[in-house]
PDB file of N, CA and C in Angstrom:
ATOM      1  N   GLN A   1       8.945  -2.717 -25.553  1.00  0.00           N
ATOM      2  CA  GLN A   1       8.385  -1.481 -26.130  1.00  0.00           C
ATOM      3  C   GLN A   1       7.786  -0.641 -25.017  1.00  0.00           C
ATOM      4  N   VAL A   2       7.562   0.619 -25.368  1.00  0.00           N
ATOM      5  CA  VAL A   2       7.005   1.567 -24.363  1.00  0.00           C
ATOM      6  C   VAL A   2       5.565   1.142 -24.007  1.00  0.00           C
ATOM      7  N   GLN A   3       5.356   1.061 -22.721  1.00  0.00           N
ATOM      8  CA  GLN A   3       3.981   0.807 -22.225  1.00  0.00           C
ATOM      9  C   GLN A   3       3.667   1.775 -21.084  1.00  0.00           C
ATOM     10  N   LEU A   4       2.477   2.301 -21.152  1.00  0.00           N
ATOM     11  CA  LEU A   4       1.950   3.212 -20.146  1.00  0.00           C
ATOM     12  C   LEU A   4       0.554   2.733 -19.762  1.00  0.00           C
ATOM     13  N   VAL A   5       0.318   2.457 -18.466  1.00  0.00           N
ATOM     14  CA  VAL A   5      -0.951   1.959 -18.014  1.00  0.00           C
ATOM     15  C   VAL A   5      -1.474   2.866 -16.866  1.00  0.00           C
ATOM     16  N   GLU A   6      -2.555   3.578 -17.207  1.00  0.00           N
ATOM     17  CA  GLU A   6      -3.187   4.472 -16.230  1.00  0.00           C
ATOM     18  C   GLU A   6      -4.177   3.711 -15.375  1.00  0.00           C
ATOM     19  N   SER A   7      -4.391   4.202 -14.165  1.00  0.00           N
ATOM     20  CA  SER A   7      -5.387   3.634 -13.268  1.00  0.00           C
ATOM     21  C   SER A   7      -5.792   4.698 -12.260  1.00  0.00           C
ATOM     22  N   GLY A   8      -6.856   4.405 -11.529  1.00  0.00           N
ATOM     23  CA  GLY A   8      -7.251   5.312 -10.440  1.00  0.00           C
ATOM     24  C   GLY A   8      -8.431   6.203 -10.757  1.00  0.00           C
ATOM     25  N   GLY A   9      -8.960   6.151 -11.966  1.00  0.00           N
ATOM     26  CA  GLY A   9     -10.127   6.919 -12.268  1.00  0.00           C
ATOM     27  C   GLY A   9     -11.387   6.417 -11.635  1.00  0.00           C
ATOM     28  N   GLY A  10     -12.470   7.188 -11.803  1.00  0.00           N
ATOM     29  CA  GLY A  10     -13.724   6.756 -11.193  1.00  0.00           C
ATOM     30  C   GLY A  10     -14.706   7.882 -11.173  1.00  0.00           C
ATOM     31  N   LEU A  11     -15.808   7.663 -10.438  1.00  0.00           N
ATOM     32  CA  LEU A  11     -16.836   8.646 -10.237  1.00  0.00           C
ATOM     33  C   LEU A  11     -16.655   9.302  -8.879  1.00  0.00           C
ATOM     34  N   VAL A  12     -16.647  10.621  -8.891  1.00  0.00           N
ATOM     35  CA  VAL A  12     -16.440  11.394  -7.653  1.00  0.00           C
ATOM     36  C   VAL A  12     -17.399  12.582  -7.645  1.00  0.00           C
ATOM     37  N   GLN A  13     -17.806  13.004  -6.483  1.00  0.00           N
ATOM     38  CA  GLN A  13     -18.675  14.175  -6.367  1.00  0.00           C
ATOM     39  C   GLN A  13     -17.823  15.466  -6.483  1.00  0.00           C
ATOM     40  N   PRO A  14     -18.449  16.531  -6.926  1.00  0.00           N
ATOM     41  CA  PRO A  14     -17.760  17.829  -6.970  1.00  0.00           C
ATOM     42  C   PRO A  14     -17.136  18.142  -5.621  1.00  0.00           C
ATOM     43  N   GLY A  15     -15.922  18.622  -5.639  1.00  0.00           N
ATOM     44  CA  GLY A  15     -15.199  18.904  -4.381  1.00  0.00           C
ATOM     45  C   GLY A  15     -14.349  17.766  -3.900  1.00  0.00           C
ATOM     46  N   GLY A  16     -14.555  16.618  -4.498  1.00  0.00           N
ATOM     47  CA  GLY A  16     -13.829  15.416  -4.053  1.00  0.00           C
ATOM     48  C   GLY A  16     -12.413  15.325  -4.642  1.00  0.00           C
ATOM     49  N   SER A  17     -11.768  14.221  -4.339  1.00  0.00           N
ATOM     50  CA  SER A  17     -10.383  14.000  -4.769  1.00  0.00           C
ATOM     51  C   SER A  17     -10.209  12.621  -5.381  1.00  0.00           C
ATOM     52  N   LEU A  18      -9.253  12.533  -6.271  1.00  0.00           N
ATOM     53  CA  LEU A  18      -8.818  11.260  -6.857  1.00  0.00           C
ATOM     54  C   LEU A  18      -7.301  11.313  -7.084  1.00  0.00           C
ATOM     55  N   ARG A  19      -6.698  10.130  -7.059  1.00  0.00           N
ATOM     56  CA  ARG A  19      -5.272  10.064  -7.368  1.00  0.00           C
ATOM     57  C   ARG A  19      -5.094   9.077  -8.497  1.00  0.00           C
ATOM     58  N   LEU A  20      -4.571   9.581  -9.616  1.00  0.00           N
ATOM     59  CA  LEU A  20      -4.334   8.729 -10.773  1.00  0.00           C
ATOM     60  C   LEU A  20      -2.867   8.258 -10.746  1.00  0.00           C
ATOM     61  N   SER A  21      -2.706   7.050 -11.292  1.00  0.00           N
ATOM     62  CA  SER A  21      -1.352   6.495 -11.430  1.00  0.00           C
ATOM     63  C   SER A  21      -1.104   6.097 -12.867  1.00  0.00           C
ATOM     64  N   CYS A  22       0.162   6.090 -13.215  1.00  0.00           N
ATOM     65  CA  CYS A  22       0.543   5.640 -14.564  1.00  0.00           C
ATOM     66  C   CYS A  22       1.820   4.764 -14.394  1.00  0.00           C
ATOM     67  N   ALA A  23       1.666   3.510 -14.631  1.00  0.00           N
ATOM     68  CA  ALA A  23       2.790   2.580 -14.535  1.00  0.00           C
ATOM     69  C   ALA A  23       3.491   2.528 -15.883  1.00  0.00           C
ATOM     70  N   ALA A  24       4.805   2.783 -15.901  1.00  0.00           N
ATOM     71  CA  ALA A  24       5.555   2.897 -17.128  1.00  0.00           C
ATOM     72  C   ALA A  24       6.551   1.737 -17.243  1.00  0.00           C
ATOM     73  N   SER A  25       6.808   1.306 -18.461  1.00  0.00           N
ATOM     74  CA  SER A  25       7.794   0.267 -18.749  1.00  0.00           C
ATOM     75  C   SER A  25       8.312   0.395 -20.178  1.00  0.00           C
ATOM     76  N   GLY A  26       9.433  -0.226 -20.447  1.00  0.00           N
ATOM     77  CA  GLY A  26       9.974  -0.261 -21.823  1.00  0.00           C
ATOM     78  C   GLY A  26      10.884   0.922 -22.188  1.00  0.00           C
ATOM     79  N   PHE A  27      11.133   1.768 -21.221  1.00  0.00           N
ATOM     80  CA  PHE A  27      12.062   2.874 -21.490  1.00  0.00           C
ATOM     81  C   PHE A  27      12.654   3.346 -20.110  1.00  0.00           C
ATOM     82  N   ALA A  28      13.632   4.223 -20.202  1.00  0.00           N
ATOM     83  CA  ALA A  28      14.276   4.712 -19.006  1.00  0.00           C
ATOM     84  C   ALA A  28      13.452   5.781 -18.363  1.00  0.00           C
ATOM     85  N   PHE A  29      12.513   5.365 -17.514  1.00  0.00           N
ATOM     86  CA  PHE A  29      11.568   6.282 -16.914  1.00  0.00           C
ATOM     87  C   PHE A  29      12.201   7.429 -16.201  1.00  0.00           C
ATOM     88  N   SER A  30      13.273   7.161 -15.485  1.00  0.00           N
ATOM     89  CA  SER A  30      13.899   8.202 -14.645  1.00  0.00           C
ATOM     90  C   SER A  30      14.572   9.303 -15.506  1.00  0.00           C
ATOM     91  N   MET A  31      14.730   9.043 -16.821  1.00  0.00           N
ATOM     92  CA  MET A  31      15.373  10.022 -17.696  1.00  0.00           C
ATOM     93  C   MET A  31      14.332  10.817 -18.512  1.00  0.00           C
ATOM     94  N   ALA A  32      13.062  10.533 -18.322  1.00  0.00           N
ATOM     95  CA  ALA A  32      12.038  11.121 -19.193  1.00  0.00           C
ATOM     96  C   ALA A  32      11.151  12.136 -18.509  1.00  0.00           C
ATOM     97  N   THR A  33      10.901  13.253 -19.212  1.00  0.00           N
ATOM     98  CA  THR A  33       9.817  14.110 -18.782  1.00  0.00           C
ATOM     99  C   THR A  33       8.492  13.432 -19.049  1.00  0.00           C
ATOM    100  N   MET A  34       7.602  13.517 -18.068  1.00  0.00           N
ATOM    101  CA  MET A  34       6.306  12.824 -18.185  1.00  0.00           C
ATOM    102  C   MET A  34       5.160  13.855 -18.145  1.00  0.00           C
ATOM    103  N   ARG A  35       4.092  13.549 -18.822  1.00  0.00           N
ATOM    104  CA  ARG A  35       2.993  14.454 -18.943  1.00  0.00           C
ATOM    105  C   ARG A  35       1.651  13.746 -18.738  1.00  0.00           C
ATOM    106  N   TRP A  36       0.689  14.539 -18.250  1.00  0.00           N
ATOM    107  CA  TRP A  36      -0.699  14.112 -18.186  1.00  0.00           C
ATOM    108  C   TRP A  36      -1.508  15.006 -19.170  1.00  0.00           C
ATOM    109  N   TYR A  37      -2.396  14.346 -19.893  1.00  0.00           N
ATOM    110  CA  TYR A  37      -3.341  15.027 -20.763  1.00  0.00           C
ATOM    111  C   TYR A  37      -4.707  14.551 -20.393  1.00  0.00           C
ATOM    112  N   ARG A  38      -5.724  15.238 -20.894  1.00  0.00           N
ATOM    113  CA  ARG A  38      -7.110  14.746 -20.749  1.00  0.00           C
ATOM    114  C   ARG A  38      -7.927  15.113 -21.977  1.00  0.00           C
ATOM    115  N   GLN A  39      -8.981  14.351 -22.196  1.00  0.00           N
ATOM    116  CA  GLN A  39      -9.882  14.608 -23.335  1.00  0.00           C
ATOM    117  C   GLN A  39     -11.316  14.430 -22.878  1.00  0.00           C
ATOM    118  N   ALA A  40     -12.051  15.528 -22.906  1.00  0.00           N
ATOM    119  CA  ALA A  40     -13.454  15.511 -22.559  1.00  0.00           C
ATOM    120  C   ALA A  40     -14.275  15.174 -23.783  1.00  0.00           C
ATOM    121  N   PRO A  41     -15.504  14.696 -23.582  1.00  0.00           N
ATOM    122  CA  PRO A  41     -16.334  14.347 -24.719  1.00  0.00           C
ATOM    123  C   PRO A  41     -16.545  15.526 -25.668  1.00  0.00           C
ATOM    124  N   GLY A  42     -16.267  15.293 -26.950  1.00  0.00           N
ATOM    125  CA  GLY A  42     -16.482  16.316 -27.954  1.00  0.00           C
ATOM    126  C   GLY A  42     -15.437  17.397 -28.003  1.00  0.00           C
ATOM    127  N   LYS A  43     -14.350  17.198 -27.236  1.00  0.00           N
ATOM    128  CA  LYS A  43     -13.283  18.213 -27.174  1.00  0.00           C
ATOM    129  C   LYS A  43     -11.955  17.586 -27.552  1.00  0.00           C
ATOM    130  N   GLU A  44     -10.986  18.439 -27.895  1.00  0.00           N
ATOM    131  CA  GLU A  44      -9.675  17.960 -28.224  1.00  0.00           C
ATOM    132  C   GLU A  44      -8.915  17.620 -26.937  1.00  0.00           C
ATOM    133  N   ARG A  45      -7.914  16.759 -27.122  1.00  0.00           N
ATOM    134  CA  ARG A  45      -7.106  16.392 -25.965  1.00  0.00           C
ATOM    135  C   ARG A  45      -6.259  17.627 -25.548  1.00  0.00           C
ATOM    136  N   GLU A  46      -6.220  17.858 -24.243  1.00  0.00           N
ATOM    137  CA  GLU A  46      -5.507  19.046 -23.744  1.00  0.00           C
ATOM    138  C   GLU A  46      -4.501  18.653 -22.676  1.00  0.00           C
ATOM    139  N   PHE A  47      -3.446  19.487 -22.642  1.00  0.00           N
ATOM    140  CA  PHE A  47      -2.386  19.330 -21.614  1.00  0.00           C
ATOM    141  C   PHE A  47      -2.918  19.624 -20.256  1.00  0.00           C
ATOM    142  N   VAL A  48      -2.500  18.794 -19.272  1.00  0.00           N
ATOM    143  CA  VAL A  48      -2.845  19.006 -17.888  1.00  0.00           C
ATOM    144  C   VAL A  48      -1.676  19.403 -17.033  1.00  0.00           C
ATOM    145  N   ALA A  49      -0.591  18.566 -17.103  1.00  0.00           N
ATOM    146  CA  ALA A  49       0.576  18.799 -16.256  1.00  0.00           C
ATOM    147  C   ALA A  49       1.776  18.060 -16.803  1.00  0.00           C
ATOM    148  N   SER A  50       2.969  18.527 -16.448  1.00  0.00           N
ATOM    149  CA  SER A  50       4.170  17.849 -16.805  1.00  0.00           C
ATOM    150  C   SER A  50       5.167  17.912 -15.614  1.00  0.00           C
ATOM    151  N   ILE A  51       6.109  16.970 -15.626  1.00  0.00           N
ATOM    152  CA  ILE A  51       7.096  16.893 -14.578  1.00  0.00           C
ATOM    153  C   ILE A  51       8.441  16.469 -15.180  1.00  0.00           C
ATOM    154  N   ALA A  52       9.489  17.165 -14.803  1.00  0.00           N
ATOM    155  CA  ALA A  52      10.810  16.826 -15.300  1.00  0.00           C
ATOM    156  C   ALA A  52      11.317  15.553 -14.650  1.00  0.00           C
ATOM    157  N   ARG A  53      12.378  15.034 -15.206  1.00  0.00           N
ATOM    158  CA  ARG A  53      12.843  13.695 -14.783  1.00  0.00           C
ATOM    159  C   ARG A  53      13.265  13.622 -13.332  1.00  0.00           C
ATOM    160  N   THR A  54      13.762  14.736 -12.807  1.00  0.00           N
ATOM    161  CA  THR A  54      14.196  14.728 -11.406  1.00  0.00           C
ATOM    162  C   THR A  54      13.182  15.417 -10.505  1.00  0.00           C
ATOM    163  N   SER A  55      12.006  15.656 -11.036  1.00  0.00           N
ATOM    164  CA  SER A  55      10.909  16.303 -10.245  1.00  0.00           C
ATOM    165  C   SER A  55      11.219  17.750  -9.828  1.00  0.00           C
ATOM    166  N   THR A  56      12.260  18.315 -10.417  1.00  0.00           N
ATOM    167  CA  THR A  56      12.617  19.708 -10.033  1.00  0.00           C
ATOM    168  C   THR A  56      11.709  20.728 -10.670  1.00  0.00           C
ATOM    169  N   THR A  57      11.095  20.374 -11.782  1.00  0.00           N
ATOM    170  CA  THR A  57      10.264  21.317 -12.495  1.00  0.00           C
ATOM    171  C   THR A  57       8.929  20.665 -12.859  1.00  0.00           C
ATOM    172  N   SER A  58       7.839  21.363 -12.599  1.00  0.00           N
ATOM    173  CA  SER A  58       6.545  20.861 -12.997  1.00  0.00           C
ATOM    174  C   SER A  58       5.757  22.053 -13.579  1.00  0.00           C
ATOM    175  N   ASN A  59       4.893  21.745 -14.497  1.00  0.00           N
ATOM    176  CA  ASN A  59       4.056  22.774 -15.132  1.00  0.00           C
ATOM    177  C   ASN A  59       2.590  22.305 -15.166  1.00  0.00           C
ATOM    178  N   TYR A  60       1.697  23.261 -15.128  1.00  0.00           N
ATOM    179  CA  TYR A  60       0.262  22.960 -15.052  1.00  0.00           C
ATOM    180  C   TYR A  60      -0.541  23.864 -16.017  1.00  0.00           C
ATOM    181  N   ALA A  61      -1.616  23.274 -16.517  1.00  0.00           N
ATOM    182  CA  ALA A  61      -2.584  24.105 -17.228  1.00  0.00           C
ATOM    183  C   ALA A  61      -3.246  25.060 -16.211  1.00  0.00           C
ATOM    184  N   ASP A  62      -3.563  26.234 -16.682  1.00  0.00           N
ATOM    185  CA  ASP A  62      -4.195  27.233 -15.789  1.00  0.00           C
ATOM    186  C   ASP A  62      -5.432  26.700 -15.121  1.00  0.00           C
ATOM    187  N   SER A  63      -6.150  25.839 -15.833  1.00  0.00           N
ATOM    188  CA  SER A  63      -7.441  25.356 -15.323  1.00  0.00           C
ATOM    189  C   SER A  63      -7.294  24.403 -14.126  1.00  0.00           C
ATOM    190  N   VAL A  64      -6.079  23.887 -13.868  1.00  0.00           N
ATOM    191  CA  VAL A  64      -5.906  22.948 -12.775  1.00  0.00           C
ATOM    192  C   VAL A  64      -4.905  23.451 -11.728  1.00  0.00           C
ATOM    193  N   LYS A  65      -4.262  24.596 -11.958  1.00  0.00           N
ATOM    194  CA  LYS A  65      -3.294  25.112 -11.023  1.00  0.00           C
ATOM    195  C   LYS A  65      -3.912  25.303  -9.626  1.00  0.00           C
ATOM    196  N   GLY A  66      -3.181  24.870  -8.646  1.00  0.00           N
ATOM    197  CA  GLY A  66      -3.642  24.988  -7.243  1.00  0.00           C
ATOM    198  C   GLY A  66      -4.553  23.874  -6.812  1.00  0.00           C
ATOM    199  N   ARG A  67      -5.021  23.036  -7.769  1.00  0.00           N
ATOM    200  CA  ARG A  67      -5.909  21.940  -7.412  1.00  0.00           C
ATOM    201  C   ARG A  67      -5.252  20.565  -7.669  1.00  0.00           C
ATOM    202  N   PHE A  68      -4.463  20.483  -8.760  1.00  0.00           N
ATOM    203  CA  PHE A  68      -3.831  19.202  -9.112  1.00  0.00           C
ATOM    204  C   PHE A  68      -2.349  19.275  -8.786  1.00  0.00           C
ATOM    205  N   ALA A  69      -1.777  18.099  -8.496  1.00  0.00           N
ATOM    206  CA  ALA A  69      -0.321  18.023  -8.234  1.00  0.00           C
ATOM    207  C   ALA A  69       0.227  16.780  -8.920  1.00  0.00           C
ATOM    208  N   ILE A  70       1.245  16.981  -9.759  1.00  0.00           N
ATOM    209  CA  ILE A  70       1.876  15.874 -10.472  1.00  0.00           C
ATOM    210  C   ILE A  70       3.103  15.491  -9.667  1.00  0.00           C
ATOM    211  N   SER A  71       3.354  14.174  -9.660  1.00  0.00           N
ATOM    212  CA  SER A  71       4.585  13.663  -8.948  1.00  0.00           C
ATOM    213  C   SER A  71       4.982  12.369  -9.604  1.00  0.00           C
ATOM    214  N   ARG A  72       6.134  11.885  -9.191  1.00  0.00           N
ATOM    215  CA  ARG A  72       6.668  10.628  -9.780  1.00  0.00           C
ATOM    216  C   ARG A  72       7.518   9.919  -8.763  1.00  0.00           C
ATOM    217  N   ASP A  73       7.575   8.631  -8.932  1.00  0.00           N
ATOM    218  CA  ASP A  73       8.444   7.781  -8.102  1.00  0.00           C
ATOM    219  C   ASP A  73       9.353   6.987  -9.082  1.00  0.00           C
ATOM    220  N   ASN A  74      10.559   7.462  -9.223  1.00  0.00           N
ATOM    221  CA  ASN A  74      11.427   6.843 -10.201  1.00  0.00           C
ATOM    222  C   ASN A  74      11.892   5.441  -9.757  1.00  0.00           C
ATOM    223  N   THR A  75      11.752   5.145  -8.493  1.00  0.00           N
ATOM    224  CA  THR A  75      12.067   3.751  -8.033  1.00  0.00           C
ATOM    225  C   THR A  75      11.008   2.762  -8.420  1.00  0.00           C
ATOM    226  N   LYS A  76       9.801   3.265  -8.682  1.00  0.00           N
ATOM    227  CA  LYS A  76       8.674   2.413  -9.035  1.00  0.00           C
ATOM    228  C   LYS A  76       8.238   2.588 -10.483  1.00  0.00           C
ATOM    229  N   ASN A  77       8.930   3.493 -11.238  1.00  0.00           N
ATOM    230  CA  ASN A  77       8.544   3.782 -12.620  1.00  0.00           C
ATOM    231  C   ASN A  77       7.063   4.193 -12.718  1.00  0.00           C
ATOM    232  N   THR A  78       6.659   5.006 -11.797  1.00  0.00           N
ATOM    233  CA  THR A  78       5.229   5.396 -11.755  1.00  0.00           C
ATOM    234  C   THR A  78       5.093   6.893 -11.655  1.00  0.00           C
ATOM    235  N   LEU A  79       4.137   7.359 -12.426  1.00  0.00           N
ATOM    236  CA  LEU A  79       3.717   8.779 -12.458  1.00  0.00           C
ATOM    237  C   LEU A  79       2.383   8.905 -11.728  1.00  0.00           C
ATOM    238  N   TYR A  80       2.198  10.033 -11.056  1.00  0.00           N
ATOM    239  CA  TYR A  80       0.928  10.246 -10.326  1.00  0.00           C
ATOM    240  C   TYR A  80       0.321  11.609 -10.658  1.00  0.00           C
ATOM    241  N   LEU A  81      -1.001  11.687 -10.442  1.00  0.00           N
ATOM    242  CA  LEU A  81      -1.691  12.960 -10.539  1.00  0.00           C
ATOM    243  C   LEU A  81      -2.680  13.008  -9.390  1.00  0.00           C
ATOM    244  N   GLN A  82      -2.399  13.843  -8.383  1.00  0.00           N
ATOM    245  CA  GLN A  82      -3.325  14.055  -7.319  1.00  0.00           C
ATOM    246  C   GLN A  82      -4.275  15.162  -7.707  1.00  0.00           C
ATOM    247  N   MET A  83      -5.582  14.869  -7.712  1.00  0.00           N
ATOM    248  CA  MET A  83      -6.563  15.813  -8.115  1.00  0.00           C
ATOM    249  C   MET A  83      -7.504  16.128  -6.957  1.00  0.00           C
ATOM    250  N   ASN A  84      -7.498  17.372  -6.549  1.00  0.00           N
ATOM    251  CA  ASN A  84      -8.336  17.835  -5.433  1.00  0.00           C
ATOM    252  C   ASN A  84      -9.322  18.864  -5.944  1.00  0.00           C
ATOM    253  N   SER A  85     -10.351  19.147  -5.101  1.00  0.00           N
ATOM    254  CA  SER A  85     -11.359  20.124  -5.417  1.00  0.00           C
ATOM    255  C   SER A  85     -11.880  19.923  -6.838  1.00  0.00           C
ATOM    256  N   LEU A  86     -12.235  18.744  -7.153  1.00  0.00           N
ATOM    257  CA  LEU A  86     -12.652  18.388  -8.523  1.00  0.00           C
ATOM    258  C   LEU A  86     -13.960  19.079  -8.886  1.00  0.00           C
ATOM    259  N   LYS A  87     -14.044  19.457 -10.157  1.00  0.00           N
ATOM    260  CA  LYS A  87     -15.196  20.168 -10.708  1.00  0.00           C
ATOM    261  C   LYS A  87     -15.810  19.317 -11.841  1.00  0.00           C
ATOM    262  N   PRO A  88     -17.079  19.522 -12.139  1.00  0.00           N
ATOM    263  CA  PRO A  88     -17.694  18.783 -13.238  1.00  0.00           C
ATOM    264  C   PRO A  88     -16.906  18.930 -14.558  1.00  0.00           C
ATOM    265  N   GLU A  89     -16.313  20.092 -14.782  1.00  0.00           N
ATOM    266  CA  GLU A  89     -15.545  20.325 -16.038  1.00  0.00           C
ATOM    267  C   GLU A  89     -14.215  19.570 -16.026  1.00  0.00           C
ATOM    268  N   ASP A  90     -13.867  18.919 -14.944  1.00  0.00           N
ATOM    269  CA  ASP A  90     -12.674  18.030 -14.983  1.00  0.00           C
ATOM    270  C   ASP A  90     -13.015  16.639 -15.542  1.00  0.00           C
ATOM    271  N   THR A  91     -14.272  16.376 -15.775  1.00  0.00           N
ATOM    272  CA  THR A  91     -14.662  15.112 -16.349  1.00  0.00           C
ATOM    273  C   THR A  91     -14.044  14.878 -17.708  1.00  0.00           C
ATOM    274  N   ALA A  92     -13.301  13.781 -17.859  1.00  0.00           N
ATOM    275  CA  ALA A  92     -12.519  13.485 -19.051  1.00  0.00           C
ATOM    276  C   ALA A  92     -11.893  12.139 -18.924  1.00  0.00           C
ATOM    277  N   VAL A  93     -11.343  11.658 -20.016  1.00  0.00           N
ATOM    278  CA  VAL A  93     -10.413  10.539 -19.990  1.00  0.00           C
ATOM    279  C   VAL A  93      -9.019  11.145 -19.823  1.00  0.00           C
ATOM    280  N   TYR A  94      -8.298  10.630 -18.811  1.00  0.00           N
ATOM    281  CA  TYR A  94      -6.968  11.138 -18.516  1.00  0.00           C
ATOM    282  C   TYR A  94      -5.914  10.164 -19.010  1.00  0.00           C
ATOM    283  N   TYR A  95      -4.894  10.724 -19.708  1.00  0.00           N
ATOM    284  CA  TYR A  95      -3.823   9.939 -20.306  1.00  0.00           C
ATOM    285  C   TYR A  95      -2.464  10.386 -19.764  1.00  0.00           C
ATOM    286  N   CYS A  96      -1.576   9.428 -19.579  1.00  0.00           N
ATOM    287  CA  CYS A  96      -0.182   9.822 -19.392  1.00  0.00           C
ATOM    288  C   CYS A  96       0.531   9.680 -20.711  1.00  0.00           C
ATOM    289  N   SER A  97       1.636  10.391 -20.828  1.00  0.00           N
ATOM    290  CA  SER A  97       2.317  10.485 -22.135  1.00  0.00           C
ATOM    291  C   SER A  97       3.812  10.625 -21.893  1.00  0.00           C
ATOM    292  N   VAL A  98       4.580  10.109 -22.923  1.00  0.00           N
ATOM    293  CA  VAL A  98       6.013  10.305 -22.907  1.00  0.00           C
ATOM    294  C   VAL A  98       6.456  10.379 -24.357  1.00  0.00           C
ATOM    295  N   GLN A  99       7.509  11.218 -24.558  1.00  0.00           N
ATOM    296  CA  GLN A  99       8.097  11.297 -25.908  1.00  0.00           C
ATOM    297  C   GLN A  99       9.391  10.520 -25.922  1.00  0.00           C
ATOM    298  N   ARG A 100       9.405   9.522 -26.810  1.00  0.00           N
ATOM    299  CA  ARG A 100      10.608   8.694 -26.948  1.00  0.00           C
ATOM    300  C   ARG A 100      10.772   8.368 -28.442  1.00  0.00           C
ATOM    301  N   GLY A 101      11.233   9.403 -29.186  1.00  0.00           N
ATOM    302  CA  GLY A 101      11.240   9.230 -30.622  1.00  0.00           C
ATOM    303  C   GLY A 101       9.892   9.622 -31.245  1.00  0.00           C
ATOM    304  N   GLY A 102       8.879   9.165 -30.647  1.00  0.00           N
ATOM    305  CA  GLY A 102       7.487   9.573 -31.009  1.00  0.00           C
ATOM    306  C   GLY A 102       6.762   9.771 -29.678  1.00  0.00           C
ATOM    307  N   GLU A 103       5.490  10.122 -29.835  1.00  0.00           N
ATOM    308  CA  GLU A 103       4.650  10.351 -28.636  1.00  0.00           C
ATOM    309  C   GLU A 103       3.945   9.020 -28.295  1.00  0.00           C
ATOM    310  N   TYR A 104       4.073   8.604 -27.024  1.00  0.00           N
ATOM    311  CA  TYR A 104       3.407   7.395 -26.588  1.00  0.00           C
ATOM    312  C   TYR A 104       2.338   7.726 -25.562  1.00  0.00           C
ATOM    313  N   TRP A 105       1.242   7.004 -25.627  1.00  0.00           N
ATOM    314  CA  TRP A 105       0.105   7.224 -24.781  1.00  0.00           C
ATOM    315  C   TRP A 105      -0.340   5.967 -24.104  1.00  0.00           C
ATOM    316  N   GLY A 106      -0.933   6.048 -22.904  1.00  0.00           N
ATOM    317  CA  GLY A 106      -1.609   4.924 -22.350  1.00  0.00           C
ATOM    318  C   GLY A 106      -2.997   4.800 -22.917  1.00  0.00           C
ATOM    319  N   GLN A 107      -3.789   3.887 -22.341  1.00  0.00           N
ATOM    320  CA  GLN A 107      -5.179   3.633 -22.775  1.00  0.00           C
ATOM    321  C   GLN A 107      -6.140   4.631 -22.182  1.00  0.00           C
ATOM    322  N   GLY A 108      -5.662   5.325 -21.123  1.00  0.00           N
ATOM    323  CA  GLY A 108      -6.505   6.337 -20.459  1.00  0.00           C
ATOM    324  C   GLY A 108      -7.336   5.736 -19.314  1.00  0.00           C
ATOM    325  N   THR A 109      -7.710   6.625 -18.438  1.00  0.00           N
ATOM    326  CA  THR A 109      -8.606   6.261 -17.325  1.00  0.00           C
ATOM    327  C   THR A 109      -9.709   7.293 -17.177  1.00  0.00           C
ATOM    328  N   GLN A 110     -10.925   6.888 -17.039  1.00  0.00           N
ATOM    329  CA  GLN A 110     -12.058   7.806 -17.052  1.00  0.00           C
ATOM    330  C   GLN A 110     -12.221   8.435 -15.647  1.00  0.00           C
ATOM    331  N   VAL A 111     -12.371   9.740 -15.660  1.00  0.00           N
ATOM    332  CA  VAL A 111     -12.680  10.493 -14.433  1.00  0.00           C
ATOM    333  C   VAL A 111     -14.019  11.220 -14.698  1.00  0.00           C
ATOM    334  N   THR A 112     -14.975  10.955 -13.835  1.00  0.00           N
ATOM    335  CA  THR A 112     -16.311  11.587 -13.921  1.00  0.00           C
ATOM    336  C   THR A 112     -16.588  12.294 -12.626  1.00  0.00           C
ATOM    337  N   VAL A 113     -16.857  13.587 -12.748  1.00  0.00           N
ATOM    338  CA  VAL A 113     -17.164  14.391 -11.562  1.00  0.00           C
ATOM    339  C   VAL A 113     -18.628  14.831 -11.659  1.00  0.00           C
ATOM    340  N   SER A 114     -19.448  14.263 -10.789  1.00  0.00           N
ATOM    341  CA  SER A 114     -20.876  14.476 -10.892  1.00  0.00           C
ATOM    342  C   SER A 114     -21.528  14.200  -9.538  1.00  0.00           C
ATOM    343  N   SER A 115     -22.598  14.940  -9.257  1.00  0.00           N
ATOM    344  CA  SER A 115     -23.360  14.704  -8.021  1.00  0.00           C
ATOM    345  C   SER A 115     -24.502  13.731  -8.334  1.00  0.00           C
TER     346      SER A 115
END
């Protein structure tokens, strides 16, 4: 079955960086568009970034453009999110997602940006 396992979250100071990973299994990772979402306390889950199966196309929410970079390694079935110049408003649980008949989500990884 589809499994997505996020890692790499933590506590970081404003202006810092983190790299999130999402290990995927149970489906043809190299054939799937992959997405990152996040959910802050008291807010709805929101789109962060997406990447096409061959990495030729990526899209970002306006709030993270120029600071975050999505990438993938199809040889390792792993999705990444490099987050730079982090702000307190980036604090959220970050999820990776794939559509395979339905929407699948990982368990999420907490990112806290605070001094």
